[in-house]
Every structure is written in C-alpha cells, then in structure tokens.
C-alpha cells in the first residue's frame, strides 16, 4: 500500500495529466474557471513530472509510464521559447499539432495509471 505522501504525489500527477489530456474546449473552460493562462497546463505537468522518479522508485508508476512522461516533457519543452509564443494561446490548444500530441500521450499514461483517460479536472487556486 502506498504511503499518503506517495498517494498525494500520484494524485498530483493524475490531476495534471487529466488537464493535459482534456479536449481543447474543456481545457479552455478550465483556464477560464481558474483565471489562468495556457502555460498553467504545462506548469502543472512540470511540477508533477519532477516527482516522477520518486514514484517509480516506490512502485507507484511503471518505468514505461515514466518514459511516456519524459516524452511529454520533451514535447512541451520543444514548444517553449519566445519564438513559439503563438503555441501558447487558446487557439493553439485547438489547432497546434504539439498540443494534440501532448493530449494523446497524456491519454496513454492515464490509461496505464488508472484504466481510463477521462477524469474530473482538478480545482486549483492561483496565487497572485
């Protein structure tokens, strides 16, 4: 059985993947509800991804899931930078191939971790 610490880390990962895997219209509604920018989707994933090795070490996720998480991280990092600012808009969530690929990878990881990819999106509180 997982310790509460690792259960919380796993929940953080699943929550971040749930937002990343959601359809663009659902992502946009989530962004509006929480009054945050598109990059919050990637930032939440990044926070969870940084703990993935601990989850692997404690048998909370598999090595294959960790490898897929690395793919997502590399993909989002490749979309970053000033010259690619147009990829971080609400319109890009709908039309950008990178976001589509990130969704597909997030689907795969969620299915591996939970048996399904559709989960309620987390409620967040942005500190301003």
Protein backbone atom coordinates (compact mmCIF):
# COMPACT_ATOMS: atom_id res chain seq x y z
CA UNK A 1 0.00 0.00 0.00
CA UNK A 2 1.24 3.48 -0.84
CA UNK A 3 2.10 5.92 1.89
CA UNK A 4 -0.04 9.06 1.93
CA UNK A 5 2.95 11.07 0.65
CA UNK A 6 3.22 8.99 -2.49
CA UNK A 7 -0.52 8.82 -2.91
CA UNK A 8 -0.58 12.65 -2.93
CA UNK A 9 2.24 12.79 -5.49
CA UNK A 10 0.45 10.26 -7.68
CA UNK A 11 -2.78 12.30 -7.39
CA UNK A 12 -0.89 15.44 -8.42
CA UNK A 13 0.40 13.59 -11.48
CA UNK A 14 -3.02 12.25 -12.42
CA UNK A 15 -4.60 15.69 -11.96
CA UNK A 16 -2.01 17.35 -14.19
CA UNK A 17 -2.39 14.65 -16.84
CA UNK A 18 -6.18 14.99 -16.68
CA UNK A 19 -5.95 18.65 -17.66
CA UNK A 20 -3.36 17.92 -20.34
CA UNK A 21 -5.47 15.07 -21.78
CA UNK A 22 -8.73 17.02 -21.85
CA UNK A 23 -10.25 18.23 -25.10
CA UNK A 24 -9.28 21.79 -26.04
CA UNK A 25 -12.75 23.13 -25.23
CA UNK A 26 -12.59 21.57 -21.76
CA UNK A 27 -9.09 22.96 -21.23
CA UNK A 28 -10.26 26.43 -22.21
CA UNK A 29 -13.21 26.26 -19.81
CA UNK A 30 -10.83 25.12 -17.04
CA UNK A 31 -8.48 28.03 -17.79
CA UNK A 32 -11.42 30.45 -17.67
CA UNK A 33 -12.76 29.00 -14.43
CA UNK A 34 -9.41 29.37 -12.69
CA UNK A 35 -8.41 32.61 -14.45
CA UNK A 36 -5.02 31.27 -15.55
CA UNK A 37 -3.06 31.32 -18.81
CA UNK A 38 -2.46 28.39 -21.15
CA UNK A 39 1.03 27.83 -19.80
CA UNK A 40 -0.51 26.76 -16.47
CA UNK A 41 -1.33 23.43 -18.12
CA UNK A 42 2.36 22.82 -18.79
CA UNK A 43 3.48 24.26 -15.45
CA UNK A 44 1.20 21.90 -13.52
CA UNK A 45 2.53 18.99 -15.54
CA UNK A 46 6.11 20.12 -14.93
CA UNK A 47 5.57 20.20 -11.17
CA UNK A 48 4.20 16.66 -11.19
CA UNK A 49 6.79 15.37 -13.67
CA UNK A 50 9.64 16.47 -11.42
CA UNK A 51 8.47 13.87 -8.89
CA UNK A 52 8.05 11.00 -11.35
CA UNK A 53 11.35 9.35 -10.45
CA UNK A 54 10.28 9.12 -6.81
CA UNK A 55 7.05 7.49 -7.91
CA UNK A 56 8.96 4.93 -9.99
CA UNK A 57 11.36 4.22 -7.11
CA UNK A 58 8.41 3.48 -4.83
CA UNK A 59 6.48 1.40 -7.40
CA UNK A 60 3.71 3.97 -7.79
CA UNK A 61 4.18 4.23 -11.57
CA UNK A 62 5.97 2.00 -14.05
CA UNK A 63 9.15 2.74 -15.93
CA UNK A 64 7.16 2.77 -19.16
CA UNK A 65 4.80 5.42 -17.76
CA UNK A 66 7.85 7.46 -16.70
CA UNK A 67 9.24 7.18 -20.23
CA UNK A 68 5.96 8.50 -21.67
CA UNK A 69 6.04 11.34 -19.14
CA UNK A 70 9.54 12.22 -20.37
CA UNK A 71 8.18 12.30 -23.94
CA UNK A 72 5.53 14.81 -22.84
CA UNK A 73 8.17 16.88 -21.06
CA UNK A 74 10.42 16.94 -24.13
CA UNK A 75 7.47 17.82 -26.35
CA UNK A 76 6.35 20.73 -24.16
CA UNK A 77 9.94 21.97 -23.78
CA UNK A 78 10.28 21.92 -27.57
CA UNK A 79 7.20 24.12 -27.84
CA UNK A 80 8.66 26.71 -25.49
CA UNK A 81 10.57 29.88 -26.12
CA UNK A 82 9.79 33.39 -27.21
CA UNK A 83 9.82 32.46 -30.89
CA UNK A 84 7.00 29.96 -30.28
CA UNK A 85 4.70 32.17 -28.20
CA UNK A 86 1.87 31.56 -30.68
CA UNK A 87 1.76 27.92 -29.49
CA UNK A 88 0.68 29.08 -26.01
CA UNK A 89 -2.67 30.60 -26.92
CA UNK A 90 -6.19 29.31 -26.52
CA UNK A 91 -6.46 28.99 -30.29
CA UNK A 92 -3.32 26.85 -30.34
CA UNK A 93 -4.93 24.40 -27.92
CA UNK A 94 -7.36 23.61 -30.74
CA UNK A 95 -5.07 23.77 -33.76
CA UNK A 96 -1.47 23.07 -32.74
CA UNK A 97 -0.11 19.61 -33.51
CA UNK A 98 2.08 19.70 -30.40
CA UNK A 99 -0.91 20.11 -28.12
CA UNK A 100 -2.67 17.28 -29.93
CA UNK A 101 0.34 15.03 -29.47
CA UNK A 102 0.61 16.00 -25.78
CA UNK A 103 -3.07 15.06 -25.34
CA UNK A 104 -2.51 11.67 -26.96
CA UNK A 105 0.50 10.93 -24.76
CA UNK A 106 -1.39 12.06 -21.66
CA UNK A 107 -4.26 9.75 -22.65
CA UNK A 108 -1.86 6.82 -22.87
CA UNK A 109 -0.29 7.48 -19.48
CA UNK A 110 -3.65 7.98 -17.78
CA UNK A 111 -4.95 4.72 -19.24
CA UNK A 112 -1.88 2.92 -17.95
CA UNK A 113 -2.13 4.50 -14.50
CA UNK A 114 -5.89 4.44 -13.97
CA UNK A 115 -7.54 2.35 -16.68
CA UNK A 116 -9.15 5.37 -18.36
CA UNK A 117 -8.20 8.82 -19.58
CA UNK A 118 -11.23 10.92 -18.65
CA UNK A 119 -11.09 12.25 -15.10
CA UNK A 120 -12.62 15.26 -13.39
CA UNK A 121 -10.33 18.23 -13.74
CA UNK A 122 -8.79 19.48 -10.53
CA UNK A 123 -9.73 22.70 -8.88
CA UNK A 124 -6.73 24.92 -8.38
CA UNK A 125 -6.09 28.16 -6.59
CA UNK A 126 -3.74 30.52 -8.37
CA UNK A 127 -1.69 32.65 -6.03
CA UNK A 128 -1.42 36.15 -7.36
